[in-house]
Amino acid sequence: MFVHNFNPILFDFGIIAIRWYSLAYIFGIILGLSYGKYLIKKFYFQQNVKIHHLDDFLIWIVIGIILGGRTGYVLFYNLQFYLENPLDIFKIWTGGMSFHGGMLGIIIATVFYVKKNNISFWLLTDILACVAPIGLFFGRIANFINGELIGKPTDIAWSVIFPLHDNLPRHPSQLYEALLEGVVLFVMINFIFRKKNRIVGLSSFLFLFLYSLFRIFAEFFREPDQHIGYIFPNISLGMILSLITIMLSLIILIKINKNDFKKNN
């Protein structure tokens, strides 16, 4: 059993504070960008997506993540609160980002970017699928440090007590998600991407499909948001959004099976 006593603020300079949550996004984006460039250099030498495209796309990614993630959280998870406290919408440093909203923000940003630069949408999203688990890993670690998205009570040996919530030992569900959505998903997606006869779009499909499955599994160990609870018996909002994402991924799979995507030899 472990007692959670982490401070969400790494350094506090009075006027400005450096939070683990912010650092998670910064490190996730920096490492993801570096790894994405490596993948493009090694596997995309005959494709129209180049390293400089990823540099140019960085600001689009940041805007998509922040606007999409925050908007998704406001609309899906706490709309009533933000209607009553609209200025709090801009306090993203305190937490409150939706993965599904951030994903939608990135998809919209990608659509506009590829049209502007005349490059392949699916080639670019396959790269994003390979690097996204890096950001997810750091994000879930930050969730754990913040003591948010806590797990359900349990008596397992590796349980964690979050004193700011109560004194009950709980599943460290944030770490489960860091392992599944970060480490395991990264290994599986990149294994498929590196295959010689990989199919364009397959990595994008697998990311959406596997992330959603892992998220649904992790939700069984995670407390639902107190102000929302379960939408249906034992069915959380995160599960419902992930089921929608699974359906979206299956649409991509259907296109792959219809040979709408060409093999990348």
C-alpha atoms as a PDB file:
ATOM      1  CA  MET A   1       0.000   0.000   0.000  1.00  0.00           C
ATOM      2  CA  PHE A   2       1.255   3.472  -0.906  1.00  0.00           C
ATOM      3  CA  VAL A   3       0.084   6.858   0.405  1.00  0.00           C
ATOM      4  CA  HIS A   4      -0.076   9.476  -2.338  1.00  0.00           C
ATOM      5  CA  ASN A   5       1.672  12.655  -1.229  1.00  0.00           C
ATOM      6  CA  PHE A   6       2.829  14.171  -4.517  1.00  0.00           C
ATOM      7  CA  ASN A   7       2.563  17.907  -5.081  1.00  0.00           C
ATOM      8  CA  PRO A   8       1.090  18.755  -8.500  1.00  0.00           C
ATOM      9  CA  ILE A   9       3.351  21.839  -8.557  1.00  0.00           C
ATOM     10  CA  LEU A  10       7.029  21.118  -9.221  1.00  0.00           C
ATOM     11  CA  PHE A  11       8.279  24.676  -8.687  1.00  0.00           C
ATOM     12  CA  ASP A  12       6.367  27.677  -7.409  1.00  0.00           C
ATOM     13  CA  PHE A  13       7.919  31.067  -8.112  1.00  0.00           C
ATOM     14  CA  GLY A  14       4.968  33.028  -6.774  1.00  0.00           C
ATOM     15  CA  ILE A  15       4.050  34.768 -10.006  1.00  0.00           C
ATOM     16  CA  ILE A  16       4.294  31.574 -12.013  1.00  0.00           C
ATOM     17  CA  ALA A  17       4.239  27.899 -11.088  1.00  0.00           C
ATOM     18  CA  ILE A  18       5.594  24.933 -13.021  1.00  0.00           C
ATOM     19  CA  ARG A  19       3.168  22.029 -12.828  1.00  0.00           C
ATOM     20  CA  TRP A  20       3.746  18.383 -13.625  1.00  0.00           C
ATOM     21  CA  TYR A  21       0.633  18.473 -15.797  1.00  0.00           C
ATOM     22  CA  SER A  22       2.122  21.140 -18.064  1.00  0.00           C
ATOM     23  CA  LEU A  23       5.491  19.380 -18.207  1.00  0.00           C
ATOM     24  CA  ALA A  24       3.758  16.162 -19.269  1.00  0.00           C
ATOM     25  CA  TYR A  25       2.361  17.887 -22.359  1.00  0.00           C
ATOM     26  CA  ILE A  26       5.684  19.587 -23.122  1.00  0.00           C
ATOM     27  CA  PHE A  27       7.780  16.427 -22.837  1.00  0.00           C
ATOM     28  CA  GLY A  28       5.174  14.376 -24.683  1.00  0.00           C
ATOM     29  CA  ILE A  29       5.166  16.788 -27.621  1.00  0.00           C
ATOM     30  CA  ILE A  30       8.968  17.161 -27.740  1.00  0.00           C
ATOM     31  CA  LEU A  31       9.674  13.421 -27.596  1.00  0.00           C
ATOM     32  CA  GLY A  32       6.807  12.668 -29.972  1.00  0.00           C
ATOM     33  CA  LEU A  33       8.122  15.209 -32.480  1.00  0.00           C
ATOM     34  CA  SER A  34      11.642  13.789 -32.318  1.00  0.00           C
ATOM     35  CA  TYR A  35      10.454  10.213 -32.731  1.00  0.00           C
ATOM     36  CA  GLY A  36       8.088  11.183 -35.547  1.00  0.00           C
ATOM     37  CA  LYS A  37      10.978  12.767 -37.450  1.00  0.00           C
ATOM     38  CA  TYR A  38      12.978   9.568 -36.997  1.00  0.00           C
ATOM     39  CA  LEU A  39      10.130   7.484 -38.438  1.00  0.00           C
ATOM     40  CA  ILE A  40       9.696   9.789 -41.435  1.00  0.00           C
ATOM     41  CA  LYS A  41      13.425   9.747 -42.147  1.00  0.00           C
ATOM     42  CA  LYS A  42      13.651   5.966 -41.940  1.00  0.00           C
ATOM     43  CA  PHE A  43      10.385   4.839 -43.553  1.00  0.00           C
ATOM     44  CA  TYR A  44       9.023   7.718 -45.647  1.00  0.00           C
ATOM     45  CA  PHE A  45      11.934   8.499 -47.955  1.00  0.00           C
ATOM     46  CA  GLN A  46       9.733   7.798 -51.018  1.00  0.00           C
ATOM     47  CA  GLN A  47       6.580   9.439 -49.654  1.00  0.00           C
ATOM     48  CA  ASN A  48       5.290  13.004 -49.830  1.00  0.00           C
ATOM     49  CA  VAL A  49       5.355  13.510 -46.054  1.00  0.00           C
ATOM     50  CA  LYS A  50       8.722  15.023 -45.115  1.00  0.00           C
ATOM     51  CA  ILE A  51      10.447  15.971 -41.862  1.00  0.00           C
ATOM     52  CA  HIS A  52       9.796  19.679 -42.388  1.00  0.00           C
ATOM     53  CA  HIS A  53       6.072  18.943 -42.566  1.00  0.00           C
ATOM     54  CA  LEU A  54       6.191  17.639 -38.997  1.00  0.00           C
ATOM     55  CA  ASP A  55       7.981  20.801 -37.853  1.00  0.00           C
ATOM     56  CA  ASP A  56       5.353  22.962 -39.539  1.00  0.00           C
ATOM     57  CA  PHE A  57       2.558  20.774 -38.194  1.00  0.00           C
ATOM     58  CA  LEU A  58       3.690  21.126 -34.570  1.00  0.00           C
ATOM     59  CA  ILE A  59       1.765  24.338 -33.914  1.00  0.00           C
ATOM     60  CA  TRP A  60      -1.320  22.769 -35.482  1.00  0.00           C
ATOM     61  CA  ILE A  61      -0.964  19.784 -33.146  1.00  0.00           C
ATOM     62  CA  VAL A  62      -0.609  21.993 -30.079  1.00  0.00           C
ATOM     63  CA  ILE A  63      -3.670  24.055 -31.023  1.00  0.00           C
ATOM     64  CA  GLY A  64      -5.677  20.918 -31.844  1.00  0.00           C
ATOM     65  CA  ILE A  65      -4.788  19.241 -28.543  1.00  0.00           C
ATOM     66  CA  ILE A  66      -5.467  22.288 -26.376  1.00  0.00           C
ATOM     67  CA  LEU A  67      -8.641  23.515 -28.063  1.00  0.00           C
ATOM     68  CA  GLY A  68     -10.039  20.053 -28.742  1.00  0.00           C
ATOM     69  CA  GLY A  69      -9.062  18.564 -25.388  1.00  0.00           C
ATOM     70  CA  ARG A  70     -10.369  21.487 -23.362  1.00  0.00           C
ATOM     71  CA  THR A  71     -13.540  21.874 -25.411  1.00  0.00           C
ATOM     72  CA  GLY A  72     -14.219  18.151 -25.129  1.00  0.00           C
ATOM     73  CA  TYR A  73     -13.796  18.249 -21.357  1.00  0.00           C
ATOM     74  CA  VAL A  74     -16.050  21.286 -20.995  1.00  0.00           C
ATOM     75  CA  LEU A  75     -18.811  19.842 -23.206  1.00  0.00           C
ATOM     76  CA  PHE A  76     -18.620  16.178 -22.206  1.00  0.00           C
ATOM     77  CA  TYR A  77     -17.635  16.232 -18.559  1.00  0.00           C
ATOM     78  CA  ASN A  78     -18.525  19.465 -16.768  1.00  0.00           C
ATOM     79  CA  LEU A  79     -20.690  21.723 -18.913  1.00  0.00           C
ATOM     80  CA  GLN A  80     -22.887  23.025 -16.094  1.00  0.00           C
ATOM     81  CA  PHE A  81     -19.890  24.115 -14.016  1.00  0.00           C
ATOM     82  CA  TYR A  82     -18.288  26.018 -16.878  1.00  0.00           C
ATOM     83  CA  LEU A  83     -21.553  27.666 -17.833  1.00  0.00           C
ATOM     84  CA  GLU A  84     -21.614  29.064 -14.304  1.00  0.00           C
ATOM     85  CA  ASN A  85     -17.857  29.794 -14.251  1.00  0.00           C
ATOM     86  CA  PRO A  86     -16.915  30.617 -17.865  1.00  0.00           C
ATOM     87  CA  LEU A  87     -13.531  32.142 -16.994  1.00  0.00           C
ATOM     88  CA  ASP A  88     -12.406  28.787 -15.571  1.00  0.00           C
ATOM     89  CA  ILE A  89     -12.522  27.366 -19.092  1.00  0.00           C
ATOM     90  CA  PHE A  90      -9.161  29.026 -19.738  1.00  0.00           C
ATOM     91  CA  LYS A  91      -7.474  27.595 -16.610  1.00  0.00           C
ATOM     92  CA  ILE A  92      -6.070  24.558 -18.401  1.00  0.00           C
ATOM     93  CA  TRP A  93      -3.082  24.412 -16.031  1.00  0.00           C
ATOM     94  CA  THR A  94      -5.402  23.111 -13.300  1.00  0.00           C
ATOM     95  CA  GLY A  95      -6.246  20.025 -15.387  1.00  0.00           C
ATOM     96  CA  GLY A  96      -9.340  18.981 -17.241  1.00  0.00           C
ATOM     97  CA  MET A  97      -8.577  17.715 -20.740  1.00  0.00           C
ATOM     98  CA  SER A  98     -10.532  15.137 -22.712  1.00  0.00           C
ATOM     99  CA  PHE A  99      -8.621  12.629 -24.825  1.00  0.00           C
ATOM    100  CA  HIS A 100     -11.545  12.186 -27.198  1.00  0.00           C
ATOM    101  CA  GLY A 101     -11.873  15.944 -27.594  1.00  0.00           C
ATOM    102  CA  GLY A 102      -8.126  16.293 -28.158  1.00  0.00           C
ATOM    103  CA  MET A 103      -8.209  13.506 -30.734  1.00  0.00           C
ATOM    104  CA  LEU A 104     -11.036  15.228 -32.608  1.00  0.00           C
ATOM    105  CA  GLY A 105      -9.093  18.495 -32.466  1.00  0.00           C
ATOM    106  CA  ILE A 106      -6.018  16.827 -33.982  1.00  0.00           C
ATOM    107  CA  ILE A 107      -8.098  15.149 -36.715  1.00  0.00           C
ATOM    108  CA  ILE A 108      -9.635  18.491 -37.710  1.00  0.00           C
ATOM    109  CA  ALA A 109      -6.216  20.171 -37.646  1.00  0.00           C
ATOM    110  CA  THR A 110      -4.781  17.345 -39.772  1.00  0.00           C
ATOM    111  CA  VAL A 111      -7.539  17.649 -42.381  1.00  0.00           C
ATOM    112  CA  PHE A 112      -6.824  21.345 -42.860  1.00  0.00           C
ATOM    113  CA  TYR A 113      -3.048  20.893 -42.806  1.00  0.00           C
ATOM    114  CA  VAL A 114      -2.857  18.122 -45.419  1.00  0.00           C
ATOM    115  CA  LYS A 115      -5.135  20.051 -47.771  1.00  0.00           C
ATOM    116  CA  LYS A 116      -3.012  23.157 -47.360  1.00  0.00           C
ATOM    117  CA  ASN A 117       0.212  21.248 -48.068  1.00  0.00           C
ATOM    118  CA  ASN A 118      -1.110  18.621 -50.506  1.00  0.00           C
ATOM    119  CA  ILE A 119       0.163  15.610 -48.562  1.00  0.00           C
ATOM    120  CA  SER A 120      -1.396  12.276 -47.598  1.00  0.00           C
ATOM    121  CA  PHE A 121      -3.793  12.369 -44.659  1.00  0.00           C
ATOM    122  CA  TRP A 122      -3.299   8.701 -43.776  1.00  0.00           C
ATOM    123  CA  LEU A 123       0.484   8.766 -44.063  1.00  0.00           C
ATOM    124  CA  LEU A 124       0.524  11.610 -41.554  1.00  0.00           C
ATOM    125  CA  THR A 125      -2.010  10.034 -39.178  1.00  0.00           C
ATOM    126  CA  ASP A 126      -0.034   6.771 -39.187  1.00  0.00           C
ATOM    127  CA  ILE A 127       2.947   8.728 -37.880  1.00  0.00           C
ATOM    128  CA  LEU A 128       0.738  10.406 -35.274  1.00  0.00           C
ATOM    129  CA  ALA A 129      -0.572   6.985 -34.233  1.00  0.00           C
ATOM    130  CA  CYS A 130       2.999   5.820 -33.591  1.00  0.00           C
ATOM    131  CA  VAL A 131       3.951   8.805 -31.445  1.00  0.00           C
ATOM    132  CA  ALA A 132       0.666   9.505 -29.611  1.00  0.00           C
ATOM    133  CA  PRO A 133       1.203   6.819 -26.921  1.00  0.00           C
ATOM    134  CA  ILE A 134       4.248   8.796 -25.752  1.00  0.00           C
ATOM    135  CA  GLY A 135       2.038  11.754 -24.870  1.00  0.00           C
ATOM    136  CA  LEU A 136      -0.603   9.484 -23.369  1.00  0.00           C
ATOM    137  CA  PHE A 137       1.982   7.896 -21.094  1.00  0.00           C
ATOM    138  CA  PHE A 138       3.201  11.217 -19.718  1.00  0.00           C
ATOM    139  CA  GLY A 139      -0.369  12.483 -19.421  1.00  0.00           C
ATOM    140  CA  ARG A 140      -1.465   9.533 -17.290  1.00  0.00           C
ATOM    141  CA  ILE A 141       1.614   9.853 -15.081  1.00  0.00           C
ATOM    142  CA  ALA A 142       0.670  13.508 -14.559  1.00  0.00           C
ATOM    143  CA  ASN A 143      -2.878  12.416 -13.677  1.00  0.00           C
ATOM    144  CA  PHE A 144      -1.390  10.161 -10.990  1.00  0.00           C
ATOM    145  CA  ILE A 145       0.838  12.904  -9.596  1.00  0.00           C
ATOM    146  CA  ASN A 146      -2.150  15.272  -9.521  1.00  0.00           C
ATOM    147  CA  GLY A 147      -4.153  12.656  -7.635  1.00  0.00           C
ATOM    148  CA  GLU A 148      -7.001  12.869 -10.157  1.00  0.00           C
ATOM    149  CA  LEU A 149      -9.024  10.222 -12.020  1.00  0.00           C
ATOM    150  CA  ILE A 150      -8.666   7.956  -8.993  1.00  0.00           C
ATOM    151  CA  GLY A 151      -9.401   4.250  -9.013  1.00  0.00           C
ATOM    152  CA  LYS A 152     -11.995   2.215  -7.183  1.00  0.00           C
ATOM    153  CA  PRO A 153     -11.440   0.917  -3.629  1.00  0.00           C
ATOM    154  CA  THR A 154      -9.476  -2.322  -3.434  1.00  0.00           C
ATOM    155  CA  ASP A 155      -7.389  -4.452  -1.066  1.00  0.00           C
ATOM    156  CA  ILE A 156      -4.639  -5.347  -3.540  1.00  0.00           C
ATOM    157  CA  ALA A 157      -1.034  -5.059  -2.370  1.00  0.00           C
ATOM    158  CA  TRP A 158      -0.200  -2.189  -4.742  1.00  0.00           C
ATOM    159  CA  SER A 159      -3.189  -0.064  -3.779  1.00  0.00           C
ATOM    160  CA  VAL A 160      -2.787   3.689  -3.263  1.00  0.00           C
ATOM    161  CA  ILE A 161      -4.408   6.001  -0.713  1.00  0.00           C
ATOM    162  CA  PHE A 162      -5.249   9.476  -2.011  1.00  0.00           C
ATOM    163  CA  PRO A 163      -5.608  11.526   1.210  1.00  0.00           C
ATOM    164  CA  LEU A 164      -7.161  14.506  -0.559  1.00  0.00           C
ATOM    165  CA  HIS A 165     -10.115  12.270  -1.471  1.00  0.00           C
ATOM    166  CA  ASP A 166     -10.399   9.811   1.427  1.00  0.00           C
ATOM    167  CA  ASN A 167      -8.394   7.196   3.297  1.00  0.00           C
ATOM    168  CA  LEU A 168      -9.500   4.214   1.254  1.00  0.00           C
ATOM    169  CA  PRO A 169      -6.868   2.138  -0.594  1.00  0.00           C
ATOM    170  CA  ARG A 170      -7.636   2.358  -4.319  1.00  0.00           C
ATOM    171  CA  HIS A 171      -6.537   0.998  -7.671  1.00  0.00           C
ATOM    172  CA  PRO A 172      -3.829   3.219  -9.220  1.00  0.00           C
ATOM    173  CA  SER A 173      -5.951   3.341 -12.373  1.00  0.00           C
ATOM    174  CA  GLN A 174      -3.873   6.190 -13.791  1.00  0.00           C
ATOM    175  CA  LEU A 175      -0.837   3.895 -13.826  1.00  0.00           C
ATOM    176  CA  TYR A 176      -2.863   1.099 -15.431  1.00  0.00           C
ATOM    177  CA  GLU A 177      -3.718   3.496 -18.225  1.00  0.00           C
ATOM    178  CA  ALA A 178      -0.118   4.708 -18.495  1.00  0.00           C
ATOM    179  CA  LEU A 179       0.967   1.099 -18.977  1.00  0.00           C
ATOM    180  CA  LEU A 180      -1.789   0.129 -21.433  1.00  0.00           C
ATOM    181  CA  GLU A 181      -2.327   3.348 -23.389  1.00  0.00           C
ATOM    182  CA  GLY A 182       1.326   4.344 -23.223  1.00  0.00           C
ATOM    183  CA  VAL A 183       3.747   1.408 -23.144  1.00  0.00           C
ATOM    184  CA  VAL A 184       1.702  -1.501 -24.555  1.00  0.00           C
ATOM    185  CA  LEU A 185      -0.021   0.594 -27.221  1.00  0.00           C
ATOM    186  CA  PHE A 186       3.310   2.126 -28.295  1.00  0.00           C
ATOM    187  CA  VAL A 187       4.933  -1.294 -28.721  1.00  0.00           C
ATOM    188  CA  MET A 188       1.998  -2.777 -30.665  1.00  0.00           C
ATOM    189  CA  ILE A 189       1.454   0.177 -33.013  1.00  0.00           C
ATOM    190  CA  ASN A 190       5.139   0.574 -33.796  1.00  0.00           C
ATOM    191  CA  PHE A 191       5.560  -3.153 -34.384  1.00  0.00           C
ATOM    192  CA  ILE A 192       2.849  -3.026 -37.060  1.00  0.00           C
ATOM    193  CA  PHE A 193       4.152   0.219 -38.557  1.00  0.00           C
ATOM    194  CA  ARG A 194       7.646  -1.199 -39.012  1.00  0.00           C
ATOM    195  CA  LYS A 195       6.512  -4.248 -40.990  1.00  0.00           C
ATOM    196  CA  LYS A 196       7.881  -4.250 -44.539  1.00  0.00           C
ATOM    197  CA  ASN A 197       4.532  -4.590 -46.304  1.00  0.00           C
ATOM    198  CA  ARG A 198       2.556  -2.395 -43.940  1.00  0.00           C
ATOM    199  CA  ILE A 199      -0.720  -1.008 -45.214  1.00  0.00           C
ATOM    200  CA  VAL A 200      -1.267   2.740 -45.134  1.00  0.00           C
ATOM    201  CA  GLY A 201      -3.976   3.572 -42.621  1.00  0.00           C
ATOM    202  CA  LEU A 202      -3.623   0.347 -40.628  1.00  0.00           C
ATOM    203  CA  SER A 203      -1.653   2.018 -37.827  1.00  0.00           C
ATOM    204  CA  SER A 204      -4.321   4.723 -37.578  1.00  0.00           C
ATOM    205  CA  PHE A 205      -7.037   2.076 -37.289  1.00  0.00           C
ATOM    206  CA  LEU A 206      -5.142   0.090 -34.676  1.00  0.00           C
ATOM    207  CA  PHE A 207      -4.464   3.139 -32.568  1.00  0.00           C
ATOM    208  CA  LEU A 208      -8.139   4.122 -32.384  1.00  0.00           C
ATOM    209  CA  PHE A 209      -9.300   0.538 -31.870  1.00  0.00           C
ATOM    210  CA  LEU A 210      -6.722  -0.581 -29.300  1.00  0.00           C
ATOM    211  CA  TYR A 211      -6.768   2.670 -27.342  1.00  0.00           C
ATOM    212  CA  SER A 212     -10.542   2.393 -27.044  1.00  0.00           C
ATOM    213  CA  LEU A 213     -10.351  -1.210 -25.840  1.00  0.00           C
ATOM    214  CA  PHE A 214      -7.680  -0.354 -23.280  1.00  0.00           C
ATOM    215  CA  ARG A 215      -9.657   2.668 -22.112  1.00  0.00           C
ATOM    216  CA  ILE A 216     -12.842   0.627 -21.662  1.00  0.00           C
ATOM    217  CA  PHE A 217     -10.897  -1.999 -19.695  1.00  0.00           C
ATOM    218  CA  ALA A 218      -9.267   0.636 -17.469  1.00  0.00           C
ATOM    219  CA  GLU A 219     -12.638   2.278 -16.786  1.00  0.00           C
ATOM    220  CA  PHE A 220     -13.673  -0.823 -14.816  1.00  0.00           C
ATOM    221  CA  PHE A 221     -10.987   0.070 -12.254  1.00  0.00           C
ATOM    222  CA  ARG A 222     -11.602   3.822 -12.271  1.00  0.00           C
ATOM    223  CA  GLU A 223     -14.143   5.855 -10.346  1.00  0.00           C
ATOM    224  CA  PRO A 224     -16.556   7.728 -12.612  1.00  0.00           C
ATOM    225  CA  ASP A 225     -16.553  11.508 -12.310  1.00  0.00           C
ATOM    226  CA  GLN A 226     -18.514  12.367  -9.170  1.00  0.00           C
ATOM    227  CA  HIS A 227     -20.611  15.033 -10.879  1.00  0.00           C
ATOM    228  CA  ILE A 228     -21.514  12.620 -13.707  1.00  0.00           C
ATOM    229  CA  GLY A 229     -21.529   9.110 -12.256  1.00  0.00           C
ATOM    230  CA  TYR A 230     -22.504   6.226 -14.500  1.00  0.00           C
ATOM    231  CA  ILE A 231     -24.558   6.993 -17.606  1.00  0.00           C
ATOM    232  CA  PHE A 232     -25.990   3.471 -17.476  1.00  0.00           C
ATOM    233  CA  PRO A 233     -25.401   0.790 -14.797  1.00  0.00           C
ATOM    234  CA  ASN A 234     -21.600   0.337 -14.644  1.00  0.00           C
ATOM    235  CA  ILE A 235     -21.219   2.205 -17.959  1.00  0.00           C
ATOM    236  CA  SER A 236     -19.237   5.443 -17.705  1.00  0.00           C
ATOM    237  CA  LEU A 237     -19.066   8.330 -20.139  1.00  0.00           C
ATOM    238  CA  GLY A 238     -15.495   7.347 -20.994  1.00  0.00           C
ATOM    239  CA  MET A 239     -16.731   3.911 -22.064  1.00  0.00           C
ATOM    240  CA  ILE A 240     -19.445   5.403 -24.278  1.00  0.00           C
ATOM    241  CA  LEU A 241     -17.001   7.789 -25.968  1.00  0.00           C
ATOM    242  CA  SER A 242     -14.587   4.893 -26.486  1.00  0.00           C
ATOM    243  CA  LEU A 243     -17.318   2.784 -28.079  1.00  0.00           C
ATOM    244  CA  ILE A 244     -17.934   5.620 -30.519  1.00  0.00           C
ATOM    245  CA  THR A 245     -14.197   5.680 -31.276  1.00  0.00           C
ATOM    246  CA  ILE A 246     -14.273   1.932 -31.919  1.00  0.00           C
ATOM    247  CA  MET A 247     -17.030   2.427 -34.485  1.00  0.00           C
ATOM    248  CA  LEU A 248     -14.939   5.139 -36.141  1.00  0.00           C
ATOM    249  CA  SER A 249     -11.954   2.794 -36.291  1.00  0.00           C
ATOM    250  CA  LEU A 250     -14.080   0.056 -37.876  1.00  0.00           C
ATOM    251  CA  ILE A 251     -15.037   2.466 -40.668  1.00  0.00           C
ATOM    252  CA  ILE A 252     -11.336   2.862 -41.381  1.00  0.00           C
ATOM    253  CA  LEU A 253     -10.893  -0.928 -41.351  1.00  0.00           C
ATOM    254  CA  ILE A 254     -13.709  -1.335 -43.886  1.00  0.00           C
ATOM    255  CA  LYS A 255     -11.924   1.090 -46.199  1.00  0.00           C
ATOM    256  CA  ILE A 256      -8.708  -0.879 -45.806  1.00  0.00           C
ATOM    257  CA  ASN A 257     -10.471  -4.144 -46.670  1.00  0.00           C
ATOM    258  CA  LYS A 258     -11.975  -2.522 -49.754  1.00  0.00           C
ATOM    259  CA  ASN A 259      -8.444  -1.719 -50.921  1.00  0.00           C
ATOM    260  CA  ASP A 260      -9.021   2.011 -50.634  1.00  0.00           C
ATOM    261  CA  PHE A 261      -5.537   2.166 -49.123  1.00  0.00           C
ATOM    262  CA  LYS A 262      -2.396   1.185 -50.979  1.00  0.00           C
ATOM    263  CA  LYS A 263       0.360  -0.916 -49.526  1.00  0.00           C
ATOM    264  CA  ASN A 264       3.525   0.956 -48.683  1.00  0.00           C
ATOM    265  CA  ASN A 265       6.356  -1.303 -49.906  1.00  0.00           C
END
